[in-house]
Amino acid sequence: QVRLVESGGCLVQPGGSLRLSCAASGSIFRFNAMGWYRQAPGKERELVETITGAGRTNYVDSVKGRFTASRDNARNTVYLQMNSLKPEDTAVYYCYYNDVRSNYDYWGQGTQVTVST
């Protein structure tokens, strides 16, 4: 079993920055991928980024150059540094962990990011 706890979401002005954290506990295998999805009101959940156990990242086009993911395998924690935030980044951000052996995704409870004046 895997438990994910996100933190760091809040209200921020356009152009501002936030760093989200996701701490994983339980049966964590550091080579499994982790990452972030987001879901805005009235929209489908969208994959924001994926980071492999080796630290390779992949981002959705809308956040490239603004968001940076990192991973601390010793702490079983992933981070999402979000810069130059835009109102369209407003969403609930969910951390996920992919157990490749069972092909099962674990999810956190989500953290709200609101970009507004």
C-alpha atoms as a PDB file:
ATOM      1  CA  GLN A   1       0.000   0.000   0.000  1.00  0.00           C
ATOM      2  CA  VAL A   2       1.158   3.528  -0.819  1.00  0.00           C
ATOM      3  CA  ARG A   3       0.077   6.804   0.743  1.00  0.00           C
ATOM      4  CA  LEU A   4       0.681  10.178  -0.884  1.00  0.00           C
ATOM      5  CA  VAL A   5       0.332  13.518   0.878  1.00  0.00           C
ATOM      6  CA  GLU A   6       0.535  16.751  -1.098  1.00  0.00           C
ATOM      7  CA  SER A   7       1.192  20.197   0.301  1.00  0.00           C
ATOM      8  CA  GLY A   8       2.038  23.686  -0.844  1.00  0.00           C
ATOM      9  CA  GLY A   9      -1.075  24.789  -2.665  1.00  0.00           C
ATOM     10  CA  CYS A  10      -2.493  28.239  -1.948  1.00  0.00           C
ATOM     11  CA  LEU A  11      -3.682  31.490  -3.508  1.00  0.00           C
ATOM     12  CA  VAL A  12      -1.024  33.303  -5.527  1.00  0.00           C
ATOM     13  CA  GLN A  13      -1.051  36.290  -7.857  1.00  0.00           C
ATOM     14  CA  PRO A  14      -0.399  35.919 -11.584  1.00  0.00           C
ATOM     15  CA  GLY A  15       3.323  35.826 -12.247  1.00  0.00           C
ATOM     16  CA  GLY A  16       4.014  34.371  -8.824  1.00  0.00           C
ATOM     17  CA  SER A  17       5.625  31.105  -7.809  1.00  0.00           C
ATOM     18  CA  LEU A  18       4.724  28.098  -5.690  1.00  0.00           C
ATOM     19  CA  ARG A  19       6.379  24.829  -4.826  1.00  0.00           C
ATOM     20  CA  LEU A  20       4.244  21.765  -4.322  1.00  0.00           C
ATOM     21  CA  SER A  21       5.495  18.760  -2.400  1.00  0.00           C
ATOM     22  CA  CYS A  22       4.296  15.170  -2.373  1.00  0.00           C
ATOM     23  CA  ALA A  23       5.525  12.820   0.323  1.00  0.00           C
ATOM     24  CA  ALA A  24       5.080   9.109  -0.320  1.00  0.00           C
ATOM     25  CA  SER A  25       5.039   6.371   2.290  1.00  0.00           C
ATOM     26  CA  GLY A  26       4.490   2.636   2.280  1.00  0.00           C
ATOM     27  CA  SER A  27       5.767   0.167  -0.297  1.00  0.00           C
ATOM     28  CA  ILE A  28       7.754   2.642  -2.370  1.00  0.00           C
ATOM     29  CA  PHE A  29      10.082   1.439  -5.111  1.00  0.00           C
ATOM     30  CA  ARG A  30      12.258   4.332  -6.114  1.00  0.00           C
ATOM     31  CA  PHE A  31      12.429   3.321  -9.782  1.00  0.00           C
ATOM     32  CA  ASN A  32       8.693   3.770 -10.251  1.00  0.00           C
ATOM     33  CA  ALA A  33       7.447   6.938 -11.864  1.00  0.00           C
ATOM     34  CA  MET A  34       5.738   9.710  -9.939  1.00  0.00           C
ATOM     35  CA  GLY A  35       4.256  12.974 -11.076  1.00  0.00           C
ATOM     36  CA  TRP A  36       1.441  15.440 -11.059  1.00  0.00           C
ATOM     37  CA  TYR A  37      -1.980  15.761 -12.581  1.00  0.00           C
ATOM     38  CA  ARG A  38      -4.317  18.718 -12.239  1.00  0.00           C
ATOM     39  CA  GLN A  39      -8.025  19.234 -12.598  1.00  0.00           C
ATOM     40  CA  ALA A  40      -9.644  22.591 -13.142  1.00  0.00           C
ATOM     41  CA  PRO A  41     -13.358  23.173 -12.485  1.00  0.00           C
ATOM     42  CA  GLY A  42     -15.455  21.716 -15.286  1.00  0.00           C
ATOM     43  CA  LYS A  43     -12.454  20.141 -17.001  1.00  0.00           C
ATOM     44  CA  GLU A  44     -10.962  16.674 -17.202  1.00  0.00           C
ATOM     45  CA  ARG A  45      -7.912  15.705 -15.198  1.00  0.00           C
ATOM     46  CA  GLU A  46      -4.746  16.625 -17.100  1.00  0.00           C
ATOM     47  CA  LEU A  47      -1.266  15.142 -16.793  1.00  0.00           C
ATOM     48  CA  VAL A  48       1.119  17.964 -15.903  1.00  0.00           C
ATOM     49  CA  GLU A  49       4.407  16.132 -15.570  1.00  0.00           C
ATOM     50  CA  THR A  50       6.037  12.779 -14.948  1.00  0.00           C
ATOM     51  CA  ILE A  51       9.372  12.114 -13.303  1.00  0.00           C
ATOM     52  CA  THR A  52      11.038   8.710 -13.441  1.00  0.00           C
ATOM     53  CA  GLY A  53      13.076   7.160 -10.677  1.00  0.00           C
ATOM     54  CA  ALA A  54      16.188   8.266 -12.564  1.00  0.00           C
ATOM     55  CA  GLY A  55      14.947  11.838 -12.608  1.00  0.00           C
ATOM     56  CA  ARG A  56      13.912  12.098 -16.238  1.00  0.00           C
ATOM     57  CA  THR A  57      10.984  14.448 -16.675  1.00  0.00           C
ATOM     58  CA  ASN A  58       8.235  15.031 -19.183  1.00  0.00           C
ATOM     59  CA  TYR A  59       5.899  18.013 -19.159  1.00  0.00           C
ATOM     60  CA  VAL A  60       2.685  19.022 -20.826  1.00  0.00           C
ATOM     61  CA  ASP A  61       3.367  21.791 -23.361  1.00  0.00           C
ATOM     62  CA  SER A  62       1.427  24.432 -21.442  1.00  0.00           C
ATOM     63  CA  VAL A  63       3.853  24.338 -18.490  1.00  0.00           C
ATOM     64  CA  LYS A  64       7.177  23.803 -20.260  1.00  0.00           C
ATOM     65  CA  GLY A  65       9.691  26.443 -19.273  1.00  0.00           C
ATOM     66  CA  ARG A  66       7.645  27.451 -16.230  1.00  0.00           C
ATOM     67  CA  PHE A  67       7.342  24.289 -14.117  1.00  0.00           C
ATOM     68  CA  THR A  68      10.221  22.148 -12.910  1.00  0.00           C
ATOM     69  CA  ALA A  69       9.854  18.773 -11.232  1.00  0.00           C
ATOM     70  CA  SER A  70      12.405  17.161  -8.967  1.00  0.00           C
ATOM     71  CA  ARG A  71      12.610  14.054  -6.865  1.00  0.00           C
ATOM     72  CA  ASP A  72      14.336  13.154  -3.610  1.00  0.00           C
ATOM     73  CA  ASN A  73      14.407   9.351  -3.479  1.00  0.00           C
ATOM     74  CA  ALA A  74      15.939   9.339   0.015  1.00  0.00           C
ATOM     75  CA  ARG A  75      12.842  11.167   1.287  1.00  0.00           C
ATOM     76  CA  ASN A  76      10.367   9.531  -1.147  1.00  0.00           C
ATOM     77  CA  THR A  77       9.272  13.023  -2.069  1.00  0.00           C
ATOM     78  CA  VAL A  78       8.639  14.773  -5.352  1.00  0.00           C
ATOM     79  CA  TYR A  79       8.418  18.498  -5.868  1.00  0.00           C
ATOM     80  CA  LEU A  80       6.864  20.725  -8.473  1.00  0.00           C
ATOM     81  CA  GLN A  81       8.332  24.216  -8.708  1.00  0.00           C
ATOM     82  CA  MET A  82       5.839  26.426 -10.512  1.00  0.00           C
ATOM     83  CA  ASN A  83       6.966  29.821 -11.769  1.00  0.00           C
ATOM     84  CA  SER A  84       5.284  32.521 -13.842  1.00  0.00           C
ATOM     85  CA  LEU A  85       1.911  31.219 -12.773  1.00  0.00           C
ATOM     86  CA  LYS A  86      -1.123  32.065 -14.862  1.00  0.00           C
ATOM     87  CA  PRO A  87      -4.832  32.089 -14.005  1.00  0.00           C
ATOM     88  CA  GLU A  88      -5.262  29.056 -16.245  1.00  0.00           C
ATOM     89  CA  ASP A  89      -2.979  27.104 -13.891  1.00  0.00           C
ATOM     90  CA  THR A  90      -5.736  27.257 -11.296  1.00  0.00           C
ATOM     91  CA  ALA A  91      -6.691  23.689 -10.416  1.00  0.00           C
ATOM     92  CA  VAL A  92      -6.493  20.980  -7.822  1.00  0.00           C
ATOM     93  CA  TYR A  93      -3.091  19.360  -8.208  1.00  0.00           C
ATOM     94  CA  TYR A  94      -2.817  15.646  -7.535  1.00  0.00           C
ATOM     95  CA  CYS A  95       0.338  13.672  -6.983  1.00  0.00           C
ATOM     96  CA  TYR A  96       0.487  10.136  -8.337  1.00  0.00           C
ATOM     97  CA  TYR A  97       2.749   7.113  -7.969  1.00  0.00           C
ATOM     98  CA  ASN A  98       2.796   4.372 -10.593  1.00  0.00           C
ATOM     99  CA  ASP A  99       3.498   0.856  -9.372  1.00  0.00           C
ATOM    100  CA  VAL A 100       4.768  -0.686 -12.593  1.00  0.00           C
ATOM    101  CA  ARG A 101       4.620  -4.235 -11.209  1.00  0.00           C
ATOM    102  CA  SER A 102       0.856  -4.066 -10.664  1.00  0.00           C
ATOM    103  CA  ASN A 103       0.235  -1.327 -13.242  1.00  0.00           C
ATOM    104  CA  TYR A 104      -1.668   0.571 -10.570  1.00  0.00           C
ATOM    105  CA  ASP A 105      -1.641   4.317  -9.911  1.00  0.00           C
ATOM    106  CA  TYR A 106      -1.887   5.651  -6.387  1.00  0.00           C
ATOM    107  CA  TRP A 107      -3.220   9.177  -5.826  1.00  0.00           C
ATOM    108  CA  GLY A 108      -2.984  11.836  -3.186  1.00  0.00           C
ATOM    109  CA  GLN A 109      -5.912  13.849  -1.899  1.00  0.00           C
ATOM    110  CA  GLY A 110      -4.986  16.915  -3.936  1.00  0.00           C
ATOM    111  CA  THR A 111      -3.909  20.445  -3.115  1.00  0.00           C
ATOM    112  CA  GLN A 112      -5.655  23.561  -4.403  1.00  0.00           C
ATOM    113  CA  VAL A 113      -3.693  26.100  -6.428  1.00  0.00           C
ATOM    114  CA  THR A 114      -5.493  29.327  -7.228  1.00  0.00           C
ATOM    115  CA  VAL A 115      -3.883  31.981  -9.406  1.00  0.00           C
ATOM    116  CA  SER A 116      -5.811  35.209  -9.138  1.00  0.00           C
ATOM    117  CA  THR A 117      -5.606  38.878  -8.267  1.00  0.00           C
END
